[in-house]
N, C-alpha and C. Protein backbone atom coordinates (compact mmCIF):
# COMPACT_ATOMS: atom_id res chain seq x y z
N MET A 1 -4.60 -20.99 23.55
CA MET A 1 -3.26 -20.56 23.92
C MET A 1 -3.12 -20.53 25.44
N ASP A 2 -2.03 -21.07 25.91
CA ASP A 2 -1.81 -20.98 27.34
C ASP A 2 -1.02 -19.72 27.67
N GLN A 3 -0.79 -19.49 28.93
CA GLN A 3 -0.17 -18.25 29.38
C GLN A 3 1.26 -18.09 28.87
N SER A 4 2.01 -19.17 28.75
CA SER A 4 3.40 -19.05 28.28
C SER A 4 3.44 -18.63 26.80
N GLU A 5 2.46 -19.08 26.01
CA GLU A 5 2.40 -18.66 24.61
C GLU A 5 2.04 -17.18 24.51
N HIS A 6 1.15 -16.72 25.37
CA HIS A 6 0.79 -15.30 25.38
C HIS A 6 2.01 -14.45 25.77
N LEU A 7 2.74 -14.91 26.77
CA LEU A 7 3.92 -14.18 27.20
C LEU A 7 4.98 -14.15 26.10
N HIS A 8 5.14 -15.27 25.40
CA HIS A 8 6.09 -15.34 24.29
C HIS A 8 5.69 -14.35 23.19
N LEU A 9 4.41 -14.29 22.89
CA LEU A 9 3.91 -13.35 21.88
C LEU A 9 4.14 -11.91 22.31
N ILE A 10 3.93 -11.61 23.58
CA ILE A 10 4.16 -10.25 24.08
C ILE A 10 5.63 -9.89 23.95
N TYR A 11 6.53 -10.82 24.25
CA TYR A 11 7.96 -10.57 24.10
C TYR A 11 8.33 -10.30 22.65
N ILE A 12 7.76 -11.02 21.74
CA ILE A 12 8.03 -10.80 20.31
C ILE A 12 7.55 -9.42 19.89
N ILE A 13 6.36 -9.03 20.31
CA ILE A 13 5.83 -7.71 19.97
C ILE A 13 6.70 -6.61 20.56
N LEU A 14 7.12 -6.76 21.80
CA LEU A 14 7.97 -5.75 22.43
C LEU A 14 9.34 -5.66 21.74
N ALA A 15 9.90 -6.80 21.37
CA ALA A 15 11.19 -6.79 20.67
C ALA A 15 11.06 -6.12 19.31
N ALA A 16 9.98 -6.39 18.60
CA ALA A 16 9.76 -5.76 17.30
C ALA A 16 9.58 -4.25 17.46
N ALA A 17 8.84 -3.84 18.49
CA ALA A 17 8.64 -2.42 18.74
C ALA A 17 9.96 -1.74 19.07
N LEU A 18 10.78 -2.37 19.89
CA LEU A 18 12.08 -1.81 20.24
C LEU A 18 12.99 -1.72 19.02
N ALA A 19 13.02 -2.76 18.19
CA ALA A 19 13.84 -2.73 16.98
C ALA A 19 13.38 -1.63 16.04
N THR A 20 12.07 -1.46 15.88
CA THR A 20 11.55 -0.41 15.02
C THR A 20 11.93 0.97 15.56
N PHE A 21 11.77 1.16 16.86
CA PHE A 21 12.11 2.43 17.48
C PHE A 21 13.59 2.75 17.30
N LEU A 22 14.45 1.77 17.56
CA LEU A 22 15.89 2.01 17.46
C LEU A 22 16.33 2.31 16.04
N THR A 23 15.76 1.63 15.05
CA THR A 23 16.16 1.93 13.67
C THR A 23 15.67 3.31 13.25
N ARG A 24 14.50 3.70 13.69
CA ARG A 24 14.01 5.03 13.33
C ARG A 24 14.80 6.13 14.03
N ILE A 25 15.03 6.00 15.32
CA ILE A 25 15.76 7.02 16.05
C ILE A 25 17.22 7.04 15.61
N GLY A 26 17.77 5.85 15.27
CA GLY A 26 19.15 5.80 14.79
C GLY A 26 19.33 6.55 13.49
N GLY A 27 18.39 6.40 12.58
CA GLY A 27 18.46 7.15 11.32
C GLY A 27 18.36 8.65 11.55
N TYR A 28 17.50 9.05 12.46
CA TYR A 28 17.34 10.48 12.78
C TYR A 28 18.62 11.04 13.38
N VAL A 29 19.20 10.32 14.34
CA VAL A 29 20.42 10.78 14.97
C VAL A 29 21.56 10.86 13.95
N MET A 30 21.66 9.86 13.09
CA MET A 30 22.71 9.86 12.08
C MET A 30 22.56 11.04 11.12
N MET A 31 21.33 11.33 10.70
CA MET A 31 21.10 12.44 9.76
C MET A 31 21.37 13.79 10.42
N MET A 32 21.11 13.90 11.72
CA MET A 32 21.35 15.17 12.41
C MET A 32 22.85 15.46 12.57
N GLN A 33 23.67 14.43 12.52
CA GLN A 33 25.12 14.61 12.67
C GLN A 33 25.76 15.10 11.37
N MET A 34 25.06 15.00 10.26
CA MET A 34 25.63 15.37 8.96
C MET A 34 25.29 16.81 8.61
N THR A 35 26.25 17.48 7.99
CA THR A 35 25.97 18.83 7.50
C THR A 35 25.32 18.78 6.13
N ARG A 36 25.67 17.77 5.34
CA ARG A 36 25.01 17.53 4.05
C ARG A 36 24.96 16.03 3.78
N ILE A 37 23.99 15.63 2.99
CA ILE A 37 23.82 14.21 2.70
C ILE A 37 24.73 13.83 1.54
N PRO A 38 25.59 12.82 1.71
CA PRO A 38 26.46 12.39 0.62
C PRO A 38 25.63 11.82 -0.54
N PRO A 39 26.13 11.94 -1.78
CA PRO A 39 25.37 11.47 -2.94
C PRO A 39 24.99 9.99 -2.88
N ARG A 40 25.88 9.14 -2.37
CA ARG A 40 25.56 7.71 -2.29
C ARG A 40 24.44 7.44 -1.30
N MET A 41 24.42 8.17 -0.19
CA MET A 41 23.35 8.00 0.78
C MET A 41 22.03 8.53 0.22
N GLU A 42 22.10 9.64 -0.50
CA GLU A 42 20.89 10.18 -1.13
C GLU A 42 20.31 9.19 -2.14
N ALA A 43 21.18 8.54 -2.91
CA ALA A 43 20.72 7.53 -3.87
C ALA A 43 20.08 6.35 -3.13
N ALA A 44 20.68 5.94 -2.02
CA ALA A 44 20.11 4.83 -1.23
C ALA A 44 18.76 5.22 -0.65
N LEU A 45 18.64 6.43 -0.15
CA LEU A 45 17.37 6.89 0.41
C LEU A 45 16.30 7.02 -0.67
N ASN A 46 16.69 7.38 -1.87
CA ASN A 46 15.73 7.47 -2.97
C ASN A 46 15.23 6.09 -3.41
N ALA A 47 16.00 5.04 -3.12
CA ALA A 47 15.60 3.68 -3.50
C ALA A 47 14.67 3.04 -2.48
N VAL A 48 14.54 3.61 -1.31
CA VAL A 48 13.74 3.00 -0.24
C VAL A 48 12.27 2.82 -0.63
N PRO A 49 11.58 3.82 -1.20
CA PRO A 49 10.16 3.59 -1.53
C PRO A 49 9.93 2.41 -2.47
N ALA A 50 10.77 2.25 -3.48
CA ALA A 50 10.61 1.12 -4.40
C ALA A 50 10.87 -0.21 -3.69
N ALA A 51 11.83 -0.23 -2.79
CA ALA A 51 12.13 -1.46 -2.05
C ALA A 51 10.98 -1.84 -1.13
N VAL A 52 10.42 -0.85 -0.45
CA VAL A 52 9.29 -1.12 0.44
C VAL A 52 8.08 -1.59 -0.36
N LEU A 53 7.81 -0.93 -1.49
CA LEU A 53 6.68 -1.32 -2.31
C LEU A 53 6.83 -2.75 -2.82
N SER A 54 8.03 -3.11 -3.24
CA SER A 54 8.22 -4.47 -3.75
C SER A 54 8.06 -5.51 -2.65
N THR A 55 8.45 -5.19 -1.41
CA THR A 55 8.27 -6.15 -0.33
C THR A 55 6.80 -6.31 0.05
N LEU A 56 5.98 -5.33 -0.26
CA LEU A 56 4.55 -5.44 0.01
C LEU A 56 3.82 -6.14 -1.12
N VAL A 57 4.24 -5.89 -2.36
CA VAL A 57 3.52 -6.40 -3.52
C VAL A 57 3.94 -7.83 -3.88
N ALA A 58 5.21 -8.14 -3.80
CA ALA A 58 5.71 -9.44 -4.26
C ALA A 58 5.05 -10.63 -3.56
N PRO A 59 4.94 -10.66 -2.24
CA PRO A 59 4.29 -11.83 -1.62
C PRO A 59 2.83 -12.00 -2.05
N ALA A 60 2.11 -10.89 -2.17
CA ALA A 60 0.71 -10.99 -2.61
C ALA A 60 0.63 -11.49 -4.05
N PHE A 61 1.56 -11.06 -4.89
CA PHE A 61 1.57 -11.49 -6.28
C PHE A 61 1.88 -12.98 -6.38
N VAL A 62 2.83 -13.45 -5.60
CA VAL A 62 3.26 -14.85 -5.68
C VAL A 62 2.29 -15.80 -4.98
N TYR A 63 1.83 -15.42 -3.79
CA TYR A 63 1.04 -16.34 -2.97
C TYR A 63 -0.46 -16.00 -2.93
N GLY A 64 -0.88 -14.92 -3.57
CA GLY A 64 -2.27 -14.48 -3.48
C GLY A 64 -3.23 -15.22 -4.38
N GLY A 65 -2.74 -16.00 -5.28
CA GLY A 65 -3.60 -16.71 -6.21
C GLY A 65 -3.59 -16.04 -7.58
N TRP A 66 -4.13 -16.73 -8.55
CA TRP A 66 -4.07 -16.20 -9.92
C TRP A 66 -4.97 -15.00 -10.10
N ASP A 67 -6.05 -14.90 -9.32
CA ASP A 67 -6.92 -13.74 -9.43
C ASP A 67 -6.22 -12.47 -8.96
N VAL A 68 -5.45 -12.57 -7.88
CA VAL A 68 -4.71 -11.42 -7.37
C VAL A 68 -3.59 -11.04 -8.34
N ALA A 69 -2.89 -12.04 -8.87
CA ALA A 69 -1.80 -11.76 -9.81
C ALA A 69 -2.34 -11.08 -11.07
N ALA A 70 -3.49 -11.55 -11.58
CA ALA A 70 -4.07 -10.94 -12.78
C ALA A 70 -4.50 -9.50 -12.50
N SER A 71 -5.10 -9.27 -11.34
CA SER A 71 -5.52 -7.90 -11.03
C SER A 71 -4.32 -6.98 -10.85
N MET A 72 -3.24 -7.49 -10.29
CA MET A 72 -2.03 -6.67 -10.13
C MET A 72 -1.42 -6.33 -11.49
N LEU A 73 -1.41 -7.28 -12.39
CA LEU A 73 -0.88 -7.01 -13.73
C LEU A 73 -1.73 -5.96 -14.45
N VAL A 74 -3.04 -6.09 -14.37
CA VAL A 74 -3.92 -5.10 -14.99
C VAL A 74 -3.71 -3.74 -14.35
N ALA A 75 -3.65 -3.71 -13.02
CA ALA A 75 -3.43 -2.44 -12.31
C ALA A 75 -2.09 -1.82 -12.70
N PHE A 76 -1.07 -2.65 -12.87
CA PHE A 76 0.24 -2.13 -13.27
C PHE A 76 0.17 -1.44 -14.62
N PHE A 77 -0.44 -2.10 -15.60
CA PHE A 77 -0.49 -1.51 -16.93
C PHE A 77 -1.42 -0.30 -16.99
N VAL A 78 -2.49 -0.32 -16.25
CA VAL A 78 -3.36 0.87 -16.18
C VAL A 78 -2.61 2.01 -15.49
N GLY A 79 -1.83 1.68 -14.47
CA GLY A 79 -1.07 2.70 -13.75
C GLY A 79 0.02 3.35 -14.58
N LEU A 80 0.49 2.67 -15.62
CA LEU A 80 1.48 3.29 -16.50
C LEU A 80 0.88 4.42 -17.32
N ARG A 81 -0.42 4.37 -17.53
CA ARG A 81 -1.08 5.32 -18.41
C ARG A 81 -1.97 6.33 -17.69
N PHE A 82 -2.58 5.88 -16.58
CA PHE A 82 -3.59 6.72 -15.91
C PHE A 82 -3.20 6.97 -14.46
N SER A 83 -4.05 7.71 -13.75
CA SER A 83 -3.78 8.07 -12.37
C SER A 83 -3.97 6.88 -11.42
N SER A 84 -3.58 7.09 -10.18
CA SER A 84 -3.65 6.02 -9.17
C SER A 84 -5.09 5.57 -8.92
N LEU A 85 -6.03 6.49 -8.98
CA LEU A 85 -7.42 6.11 -8.75
C LEU A 85 -7.90 5.13 -9.81
N TRP A 86 -7.58 5.36 -11.07
CA TRP A 86 -7.98 4.44 -12.14
C TRP A 86 -7.26 3.11 -12.01
N MET A 87 -6.01 3.16 -11.57
CA MET A 87 -5.25 1.93 -11.36
C MET A 87 -5.91 1.09 -10.27
N LEU A 88 -6.27 1.71 -9.16
CA LEU A 88 -6.92 1.01 -8.07
C LEU A 88 -8.27 0.45 -8.51
N LEU A 89 -9.02 1.25 -9.22
CA LEU A 89 -10.34 0.81 -9.70
C LEU A 89 -10.22 -0.37 -10.66
N ALA A 90 -9.27 -0.32 -11.58
CA ALA A 90 -9.08 -1.41 -12.54
C ALA A 90 -8.69 -2.70 -11.84
N GLY A 91 -7.75 -2.63 -10.90
CA GLY A 91 -7.34 -3.82 -10.17
C GLY A 91 -8.48 -4.41 -9.36
N TRP A 92 -9.25 -3.55 -8.72
CA TRP A 92 -10.38 -4.01 -7.92
C TRP A 92 -11.44 -4.67 -8.80
N LEU A 93 -11.75 -4.03 -9.93
CA LEU A 93 -12.76 -4.60 -10.82
C LEU A 93 -12.34 -5.96 -11.36
N VAL A 94 -11.09 -6.09 -11.73
CA VAL A 94 -10.61 -7.37 -12.28
C VAL A 94 -10.68 -8.47 -11.23
N VAL A 95 -10.21 -8.22 -10.03
CA VAL A 95 -10.22 -9.27 -9.01
C VAL A 95 -11.66 -9.61 -8.61
N MET A 96 -12.54 -8.61 -8.55
CA MET A 96 -13.94 -8.91 -8.21
C MET A 96 -14.63 -9.70 -9.33
N ALA A 97 -14.35 -9.35 -10.58
CA ALA A 97 -14.96 -10.07 -11.70
C ALA A 97 -14.46 -11.51 -11.73
N ILE A 98 -13.18 -11.72 -11.55
CA ILE A 98 -12.63 -13.08 -11.54
C ILE A 98 -13.24 -13.89 -10.42
N ARG A 99 -13.29 -13.30 -9.25
CA ARG A 99 -13.85 -14.04 -8.10
C ARG A 99 -15.33 -14.35 -8.28
N HIS A 100 -16.06 -13.43 -8.91
CA HIS A 100 -17.48 -13.65 -9.12
C HIS A 100 -17.72 -14.75 -10.16
N PHE A 101 -17.05 -14.63 -11.31
CA PHE A 101 -17.31 -15.57 -12.40
C PHE A 101 -16.60 -16.91 -12.23
N ALA A 102 -15.48 -16.93 -11.52
CA ALA A 102 -14.77 -18.19 -11.30
C ALA A 102 -15.22 -18.87 -10.01
N GLY A 103 -16.03 -18.19 -9.23
CA GLY A 103 -16.53 -18.78 -8.00
C GLY A 103 -15.50 -18.91 -6.91
N LEU A 104 -14.53 -18.02 -6.89
CA LEU A 104 -13.46 -18.08 -5.86
C LEU A 104 -13.91 -17.41 -4.59
């Protein structure tokens, strides 16, 4: 990488940091101006964790390979019945077993 590419990368990182800061502080300022949270905004805020989780899981499921997709499916079904620790353990065991026996 030459110096101009490094500078370009630094500008991208700074812009991302500024955008993150502004969205976080903007939400805080907006919430401080309200005396109570409207029901529609509360519903939107309650949907945020599921939206964030899907943006983290979906690319890995689609582009991670069949071993990752299989482990995620197993972890999902184990997670419906058992605690998060068992879900994590099941997903890890499945992906490790597939990688070991399939030679991935």
